[in-house]
Amino acid sequence: MKDNLFAHPIPHPVPMGCYSPKDVIFLLKNLNGLLAETDLKTRERIIQSGGHYSEMLPIEYEPTQEYLDLFHQTLRESAGKVAQAVGIVSERIIKKNGSKMVLVSLARAGTPIGILVKRYLLEIKGLDLPHYSISIIRGKGIDENALIYILQNHRDAKIQFIDGWTGKGAITEVLRKACAEFNIKYEVELDDDLAVLADPGYCVKTFGTREDFLIPSACLNSTVSGLVSRTVCRGDLIGERDFHGARFYEELRKVEVSNHFVDTIAKEFKMLKLPTSAYKNDYEQEEVSWQGLKSLTNIKETYGIRDINFIKPGIGETTRVLLRRLPERVLVDSIKNKNLKHIMLLCEDKGVPVEEYPHLTYSCCGIVKQIS
């Protein structure tokens, strides 16, 4: 490990977000007052003209009461299923790493899942592990200052990266490349394994399920993710020793459900009966086939889509398209799929056409509108 990793201590983060610091510490710079949100049409035009999505923030979607009611209903109905996936992925994490470990979730979809893993390991295994949430950005990489901070404060611990779900596997690849570069630069051995709750894209080896099911935290934005925006990396806002940045939406405290979400799932842990396969040390046997990404080629050709990044597969990614991009259409495996109620509601609310697509690998795909 290079000495320069410890030569300049990274300052401690300023607390942000509405989670307890016992659950997670955000390694993010608070950008309140420094950055205004950009409307969706302007933002989409800038992105498709070569601008980077991490240099702007979208306006937060304000859900209707009907949509919020659906979130709460979904949470009640799926709490046991989500808890089981948390239990399975947590058991696989501990089998692979042992107890000397730091949990590092990828902001922001990974944050509530990282908290659930932390709580499971504390409640069921008696392990109180540190948990940080850091930024990783497609096209820019991982927040190196955040990684340096973690290594400076936990010298001998393994890092386990955590995210919510996989789509095409883009972030999996960003993480792999970023860890390889960081390892060479600082002579360390970061493990680029990404643990996720759901892996419908078959992109990772550590997962709770490969079913493309609705994780309720995918339904909302900051109000279910600690009141933190998506992360920002822009040269005029982020200094040489700063963490990547984010907005803290303190004004939304009255409508946040972040803690309610994790509390509801965590109540299920004591009642879990996990399959025996959850306790096997079979990490190396898991197949990573990337079958999800392979299946998107036909969609790209069928609809004349110039960039595969305009196809956002899976329930989580389709939800993101509907909440913060300009969607052209949504493809579904079946109009009657019960996992897609919130997708159908968002499509109706925003006037987005829905089409059934035969032999879809995922439950659904969101297609971003191509701007000439």
Protein backbone atom coordinates (compact mmCIF):
# COMPACT_ATOMS: atom_id res chain seq x y z
CA MET A 1 0.00 0.00 0.00
CA LYS A 2 1.57 3.28 -1.09
CA ASP A 3 2.50 5.77 1.66
CA ASN A 4 0.91 8.61 -0.32
CA LEU A 5 -2.47 7.04 0.43
CA PHE A 6 -2.01 8.26 4.03
CA ALA A 7 0.11 11.36 3.40
CA HIS A 8 -2.82 13.77 3.33
CA PRO A 9 -5.76 12.81 5.57
CA ILE A 10 -9.12 13.39 3.88
CA PRO A 11 -11.30 15.59 6.15
CA HIS A 12 -14.27 13.96 7.85
CA PRO A 13 -17.56 14.43 6.00
CA VAL A 14 -20.16 16.96 7.09
CA PRO A 15 -23.31 15.00 8.10
CA MET A 16 -26.07 15.03 5.51
CA GLY A 17 -29.23 13.09 4.74
CA CYS A 18 -32.01 11.92 7.06
CA TYR A 19 -30.65 8.50 8.02
CA SER A 20 -29.10 7.85 11.42
CA PRO A 21 -25.28 7.90 11.28
CA LYS A 22 -25.54 4.44 12.90
CA ASP A 23 -27.07 3.25 9.60
CA VAL A 24 -24.86 5.04 7.06
CA ILE A 25 -22.38 7.88 6.62
CA PHE A 26 -22.58 9.71 3.29
CA LEU A 27 -19.15 10.59 1.90
CA LEU A 28 -20.58 13.45 -0.15
CA LYS A 29 -20.14 17.22 -0.34
CA ASN A 30 -23.33 19.17 0.38
CA LEU A 31 -24.10 21.30 -2.69
CA ASN A 32 -27.13 23.11 -1.25
CA GLY A 33 -27.20 26.66 -2.61
CA LEU A 34 -24.53 25.90 -5.21
CA LEU A 35 -26.53 24.05 -7.85
CA ALA A 36 -30.06 24.46 -9.20
CA GLU A 37 -32.04 21.67 -10.85
CA THR A 38 -32.40 21.58 -14.64
CA ASP A 39 -35.78 20.87 -16.26
CA LEU A 40 -36.08 17.48 -17.98
CA LYS A 41 -36.23 18.69 -21.60
CA THR A 42 -33.20 20.96 -21.22
CA ARG A 43 -31.26 18.29 -19.35
CA GLU A 44 -32.05 15.63 -21.97
CA ARG A 45 -30.98 17.94 -24.81
CA ILE A 46 -27.67 18.69 -23.04
CA ILE A 47 -26.98 14.99 -22.34
CA GLN A 48 -27.73 13.94 -25.94
CA SER A 49 -25.55 16.79 -27.23
CA GLY A 50 -22.51 15.50 -25.35
CA GLY A 51 -23.02 17.00 -21.88
CA HIS A 52 -22.60 14.75 -18.86
CA TYR A 53 -25.54 13.72 -16.70
CA SER A 54 -23.47 14.09 -13.50
CA GLU A 55 -22.99 17.83 -14.07
CA MET A 56 -26.71 18.62 -13.63
CA LEU A 57 -29.53 17.57 -11.35
CA PRO A 58 -33.04 16.70 -12.56
CA ILE A 59 -36.06 18.27 -10.94
CA GLU A 60 -37.40 15.85 -8.33
CA TYR A 61 -40.63 14.17 -9.41
CA GLU A 62 -43.50 15.01 -7.05
CA PRO A 63 -45.57 11.81 -6.83
CA THR A 64 -49.35 11.93 -6.81
CA GLN A 65 -51.21 10.62 -3.77
CA GLU A 66 -52.30 7.62 -5.84
CA TYR A 67 -48.68 6.84 -6.61
CA LEU A 68 -47.63 7.22 -2.96
CA ASP A 69 -50.48 4.94 -1.91
CA LEU A 70 -49.18 2.38 -4.40
CA PHE A 71 -45.67 2.64 -2.90
CA HIS A 72 -47.02 1.90 0.59
CA GLN A 73 -49.17 -0.95 -0.70
CA THR A 74 -46.21 -2.44 -2.58
CA LEU A 75 -44.00 -2.12 0.50
CA ARG A 76 -46.54 -3.98 2.65
CA GLU A 77 -46.95 -6.72 0.04
CA SER A 78 -43.26 -7.22 -0.79
CA ALA A 79 -41.57 -6.65 2.61
CA GLY A 80 -41.04 -10.38 3.20
CA LYS A 81 -39.71 -10.97 -0.32
CA VAL A 82 -37.28 -8.05 -0.11
CA ALA A 83 -36.14 -9.17 3.36
CA GLN A 84 -35.45 -12.67 2.03
CA ALA A 85 -33.28 -11.25 -0.79
CA VAL A 86 -31.46 -9.08 1.78
CA GLY A 87 -30.87 -12.14 3.95
CA ILE A 88 -29.51 -14.20 1.06
CA VAL A 89 -27.15 -11.51 -0.23
CA SER A 90 -25.98 -10.71 3.33
CA GLU A 91 -25.18 -14.37 4.02
CA ARG A 92 -23.24 -14.56 0.76
CA ILE A 93 -21.33 -11.37 1.64
CA ILE A 94 -20.27 -12.67 5.05
CA LYS A 95 -19.31 -16.09 3.66
CA LYS A 96 -17.08 -14.44 1.07
CA ASN A 97 -15.44 -11.75 3.21
CA GLY A 98 -15.50 -12.77 6.85
CA SER A 99 -16.24 -10.26 9.59
CA LYS A 100 -13.47 -7.70 9.04
CA MET A 101 -15.27 -5.68 6.42
CA VAL A 102 -16.57 -2.23 5.47
CA LEU A 103 -19.86 -1.97 3.60
CA VAL A 104 -19.72 0.64 0.82
CA SER A 105 -23.00 1.32 -0.96
CA LEU A 106 -23.20 3.18 -4.24
CA ALA A 107 -25.27 6.34 -3.87
CA ARG A 108 -28.07 6.52 -4.23
CA ALA A 109 -30.02 3.37 -5.13
CA GLY A 110 -27.49 1.29 -3.20
CA THR A 111 -27.85 3.26 0.03
CA PRO A 112 -31.09 1.77 1.44
CA ILE A 113 -29.93 -1.73 0.41
CA GLY A 114 -26.59 -1.18 2.15
CA ILE A 115 -28.45 -0.12 5.30
CA LEU A 116 -30.56 -3.27 5.16
CA VAL A 117 -27.45 -5.46 4.78
CA LYS A 118 -25.84 -3.64 7.73
CA ARG A 119 -28.95 -4.13 9.86
CA TYR A 120 -29.27 -7.82 8.92
CA LEU A 121 -25.64 -8.52 9.84
CA LEU A 122 -26.06 -6.65 13.13
CA GLU A 123 -29.38 -8.26 14.10
CA ILE A 124 -28.80 -11.81 12.86
CA LYS A 125 -25.00 -12.16 13.06
CA GLY A 126 -24.17 -9.69 15.85
CA LEU A 127 -21.74 -7.81 13.57
CA ASP A 128 -21.75 -4.00 13.73
CA LEU A 129 -19.97 -3.12 10.49
CA PRO A 130 -19.15 0.39 9.25
CA HIS A 131 -21.25 1.48 6.27
CA TYR A 132 -20.51 4.38 3.93
CA SER A 133 -22.31 5.57 0.83
CA ILE A 134 -20.15 6.96 -1.98
CA SER A 135 -20.52 8.21 -5.54
CA ILE A 136 -19.78 6.31 -8.73
CA ILE A 137 -20.58 7.85 -12.12
CA ARG A 138 -20.71 6.29 -15.57
CA GLY A 139 -18.08 8.03 -17.71
CA LYS A 140 -16.23 9.51 -14.71
CA GLY A 141 -15.56 6.61 -12.37
CA ILE A 142 -15.64 6.23 -8.60
CA ASP A 143 -14.98 8.92 -5.99
CA GLU A 144 -11.31 8.29 -5.20
CA ASN A 145 -11.28 10.66 -2.21
CA ALA A 146 -14.11 8.64 -0.65
CA LEU A 147 -12.15 5.39 -1.13
CA ILE A 148 -8.99 6.98 0.30
CA TYR A 149 -10.98 8.21 3.32
CA ILE A 150 -12.32 4.69 3.96
CA LEU A 151 -8.87 3.09 3.64
CA GLN A 152 -7.34 5.75 5.90
CA ASN A 153 -9.92 5.01 8.61
CA HIS A 154 -10.18 1.20 8.18
CA ARG A 155 -6.69 0.10 7.15
CA ASP A 156 -7.03 -3.67 7.29
CA ALA A 157 -10.70 -4.15 6.40
CA LYS A 158 -12.08 -5.56 3.14
CA ILE A 159 -14.45 -3.35 1.18
CA GLN A 160 -17.74 -4.82 -0.08
CA PHE A 161 -19.50 -2.66 -2.67
CA ILE A 162 -23.32 -2.75 -2.63
CA ASP A 163 -25.96 -1.52 -5.08
CA GLY A 164 -29.70 -1.97 -5.47
CA TRP A 165 -30.00 -3.93 -8.73
CA THR A 166 -28.41 -4.48 -12.13
CA GLY A 167 -29.72 -3.36 -15.51
CA LYS A 168 -27.32 -3.70 -18.43
CA GLY A 169 -24.40 -3.92 -16.00
CA ALA A 170 -22.94 -0.50 -16.86
CA ILE A 171 -22.09 0.37 -13.25
CA THR A 172 -20.62 -3.11 -12.74
CA GLU A 173 -18.17 -2.33 -15.54
CA VAL A 174 -17.44 1.19 -14.25
CA LEU A 175 -16.66 -0.29 -10.83
CA ARG A 176 -14.40 -3.00 -12.30
CA LYS A 177 -12.38 -0.45 -14.29
CA ALA A 178 -12.22 2.06 -11.41
CA CYS A 179 -10.96 -0.56 -8.93
CA ALA A 180 -8.32 -1.78 -11.38
CA GLU A 181 -7.01 1.78 -11.86
CA PHE A 182 -7.15 2.55 -8.12
CA ASN A 183 -5.30 -0.67 -7.26
CA ILE A 184 -2.45 0.17 -9.63
CA LYS A 185 -2.27 3.80 -8.52
CA TYR A 186 -2.17 3.07 -4.78
CA GLU A 187 -0.84 -0.52 -4.70
CA VAL A 188 -3.90 -1.90 -2.92
CA GLU A 189 -6.19 -4.85 -3.62
CA LEU A 190 -9.75 -3.60 -3.73
CA ASP A 191 -12.23 -6.34 -4.64
CA ASP A 192 -14.52 -5.08 -7.42
CA ASP A 193 -17.29 -7.55 -6.51
CA LEU A 194 -20.63 -5.75 -6.49
CA ALA A 195 -23.34 -7.21 -4.25
CA VAL A 196 -26.91 -6.38 -5.29
CA LEU A 197 -30.38 -7.24 -4.10
CA ALA A 198 -31.56 -8.22 -7.61
CA ASP A 199 -29.44 -9.21 -10.61
CA PRO A 200 -31.81 -9.69 -13.56
CA GLY A 201 -28.99 -8.81 -15.96
CA TYR A 202 -26.80 -11.74 -14.77
CA CYS A 203 -23.91 -9.26 -14.28
CA VAL A 204 -22.63 -10.11 -10.77
CA LYS A 205 -21.88 -13.13 -8.58
CA THR A 206 -23.19 -11.80 -5.25
CA PHE A 207 -26.94 -11.25 -5.28
CA GLY A 208 -30.15 -11.92 -3.39
CA THR A 209 -32.20 -12.96 -6.43
CA ARG A 210 -32.06 -12.80 -10.21
CA GLU A 211 -35.77 -12.18 -10.52
CA ASP A 212 -36.71 -8.79 -11.98
CA PHE A 213 -39.15 -7.88 -9.24
CA LEU A 214 -40.26 -4.55 -7.82
CA ILE A 215 -37.98 -3.28 -5.05
CA PRO A 216 -40.16 -0.57 -3.46
CA SER A 217 -37.21 1.80 -3.03
CA ALA A 218 -37.00 1.99 -6.85
CA CYS A 219 -40.40 3.72 -6.91
CA LEU A 220 -39.22 7.05 -5.51
CA ASN A 221 -36.20 9.35 -5.66
CA SER A 222 -34.62 11.18 -2.72
CA THR A 223 -37.55 10.66 -0.36
CA VAL A 224 -36.69 6.95 -0.09
CA SER A 225 -32.90 7.42 -0.27
CA GLY A 226 -32.12 9.63 2.70
CA LEU A 227 -33.27 12.91 1.05
CA VAL A 228 -30.06 12.94 -0.99
CA SER A 229 -30.02 13.79 -4.71
CA ARG A 230 -28.20 11.75 -7.31
CA THR A 231 -24.48 12.54 -7.20
CA VAL A 232 -22.68 15.35 -9.00
CA CYS A 233 -19.11 15.67 -10.26
CA ARG A 234 -18.29 19.05 -11.79
CA GLY A 235 -14.91 20.78 -11.73
CA ASP A 236 -16.21 24.17 -10.58
CA LEU A 237 -18.06 22.59 -7.62
CA ILE A 238 -15.82 19.73 -6.51
CA GLY A 239 -12.32 20.61 -5.29
CA GLU A 240 -9.21 18.45 -5.37
CA ARG A 241 -9.81 16.98 -1.89
CA ASP A 242 -13.62 17.14 -1.92
CA PHE A 243 -15.95 14.20 -2.13
CA HIS A 244 -18.35 14.12 -5.07
CA GLY A 245 -21.38 16.28 -4.34
CA ALA A 246 -25.13 16.01 -3.84
CA ARG A 247 -28.10 18.11 -2.76
CA PHE A 248 -29.70 17.45 0.63
CA TYR A 249 -33.45 18.05 0.27
CA GLU A 250 -34.14 19.09 3.85
CA GLU A 251 -37.37 20.74 2.69
CA LEU A 252 -38.81 17.28 1.93
CA ARG A 253 -38.49 15.91 5.48
CA LYS A 254 -42.27 15.86 5.96
CA VAL A 255 -42.76 13.47 3.02
CA GLU A 256 -39.65 11.27 3.35
CA VAL A 257 -40.17 7.52 3.71
CA SER A 258 -36.49 6.51 3.81
CA ASN A 259 -36.51 5.29 7.40
CA HIS A 260 -39.99 3.83 7.09
CA PHE A 261 -38.80 1.72 4.16
CA VAL A 262 -35.78 0.20 5.93
CA ASP A 263 -37.64 -0.21 9.25
CA THR A 264 -40.48 -2.09 7.51
CA ILE A 265 -38.12 -4.53 5.76
CA ALA A 266 -35.89 -4.99 8.82
CA LYS A 267 -38.87 -6.09 10.95
CA GLU A 268 -39.04 -9.21 8.77
CA PHE A 269 -35.48 -10.42 9.51
CA LYS A 270 -36.27 -12.40 12.67
CA MET A 271 -39.00 -14.37 10.83
CA LEU A 272 -36.88 -15.32 7.82
CA LYS A 273 -36.36 -18.93 6.79
CA LEU A 274 -33.67 -18.78 4.13
CA PRO A 275 -33.02 -21.62 1.68
CA THR A 276 -29.99 -23.79 2.52
CA SER A 277 -28.31 -22.49 -0.66
CA ALA A 278 -28.00 -19.07 1.02
CA TYR A 279 -25.44 -20.50 3.46
CA LYS A 280 -23.21 -22.22 0.89
CA ASN A 281 -19.86 -20.72 -0.04
CA ASP A 282 -20.50 -21.01 -3.79
CA TYR A 283 -19.35 -17.56 -4.93
CA GLU A 284 -16.99 -18.90 -7.60
CA GLN A 285 -19.68 -21.20 -9.03
CA GLU A 286 -22.13 -18.40 -9.85
CA GLU A 287 -22.42 -17.77 -13.58
CA VAL A 288 -22.07 -14.25 -14.98
CA SER A 289 -23.51 -14.59 -18.48
CA TRP A 290 -24.52 -10.96 -19.20
CA GLN A 291 -27.65 -12.44 -20.80
CA GLY A 292 -29.62 -9.27 -20.08
CA LEU A 293 -27.26 -7.07 -22.10
CA LYS A 294 -27.19 -9.59 -24.96
CA SER A 295 -31.00 -9.54 -25.20
CA LEU A 296 -31.11 -5.78 -25.82
CA THR A 297 -29.54 -6.01 -29.29
CA ASN A 298 -32.86 -7.06 -30.84
CA ILE A 299 -34.68 -4.14 -29.20
CA LYS A 300 -32.01 -1.75 -30.47
CA GLU A 301 -32.45 -3.01 -34.04
CA THR A 302 -36.26 -3.27 -33.91
CA TYR A 303 -36.74 0.34 -32.82
CA GLY A 304 -33.77 1.90 -34.65
CA ILE A 305 -32.10 3.07 -31.44
CA ARG A 306 -28.69 4.56 -32.15
CA ASP A 307 -27.20 4.11 -28.65
CA ILE A 308 -27.83 1.10 -26.41
CA ASN A 309 -27.64 3.45 -23.41
CA PHE A 310 -31.08 4.75 -24.49
CA ILE A 311 -32.48 1.33 -23.47
CA LYS A 312 -32.94 1.05 -19.70
CA PRO A 313 -33.81 -2.55 -18.79
CA GLY A 314 -35.45 -3.86 -15.65
CA ILE A 315 -38.02 -2.44 -13.24
CA GLY A 316 -35.55 -0.23 -11.38
CA GLU A 317 -34.04 1.34 -14.50
CA THR A 318 -37.42 1.78 -16.22
CA THR A 319 -38.65 3.62 -13.15
CA ARG A 320 -35.64 5.93 -13.35
CA VAL A 321 -36.39 6.69 -17.01
CA LEU A 322 -39.96 7.66 -16.11
CA LEU A 323 -38.89 9.77 -13.13
CA ARG A 324 -35.92 11.68 -14.55
CA ARG A 325 -35.51 11.23 -18.32
CA LEU A 326 -37.69 11.87 -21.37
CA PRO A 327 -39.25 8.47 -22.11
CA GLU A 328 -40.37 7.51 -25.62
CA ARG A 329 -42.10 4.24 -24.69
CA VAL A 330 -42.02 1.39 -22.20
CA LEU A 331 -41.80 -2.27 -23.26
CA VAL A 332 -43.29 -4.88 -20.90
CA ASP A 333 -43.27 -8.67 -20.84
CA SER A 334 -46.99 -8.63 -20.01
CA ILE A 335 -49.55 -5.89 -19.43
CA LYS A 336 -50.88 -8.10 -16.61
CA ASN A 337 -47.55 -8.31 -14.73
CA LYS A 338 -48.43 -7.38 -11.12
CA ASN A 339 -44.91 -6.06 -10.52
CA LEU A 340 -45.56 -3.25 -13.01
CA LYS A 341 -48.44 -1.37 -11.33
CA HIS A 342 -46.30 1.68 -10.53
CA ILE A 343 -44.80 1.61 -14.06
CA MET A 344 -48.31 1.64 -15.58
CA LEU A 345 -49.36 4.48 -13.26
CA LEU A 346 -46.32 6.59 -14.20
CA CYS A 347 -46.88 5.92 -17.92
CA GLU A 348 -50.51 7.00 -17.59
CA ASP A 349 -49.52 10.10 -15.61
CA LYS A 350 -46.89 11.14 -18.19
CA GLY A 351 -48.66 9.96 -21.37
CA VAL A 352 -46.00 7.37 -22.22
CA PRO A 353 -47.12 4.49 -24.51
CA VAL A 354 -46.75 0.92 -23.22
CA GLU A 355 -46.12 -2.04 -25.55
CA GLU A 356 -45.95 -5.76 -24.89
CA TYR A 357 -42.68 -7.18 -26.24
CA PRO A 358 -42.40 -10.97 -26.68
CA HIS A 359 -39.53 -12.89 -25.04
CA LEU A 360 -38.36 -9.93 -22.96
CA THR A 361 -35.58 -11.03 -20.57
CA TYR A 362 -36.59 -8.39 -18.03
CA SER A 363 -40.07 -7.50 -16.77
CA CYS A 364 -39.83 -4.22 -18.67
CA CYS A 365 -37.54 -1.78 -20.50
CA GLY A 366 -37.75 1.99 -20.66
CA ILE A 367 -36.73 3.62 -23.94
CA VAL A 368 -35.33 7.16 -23.77
CA LYS A 369 -36.59 9.52 -26.47
CA GLN A 370 -33.91 10.27 -29.06
CA ILE A 371 -33.55 14.00 -29.70
CA SER A 372 -32.23 14.87 -33.15
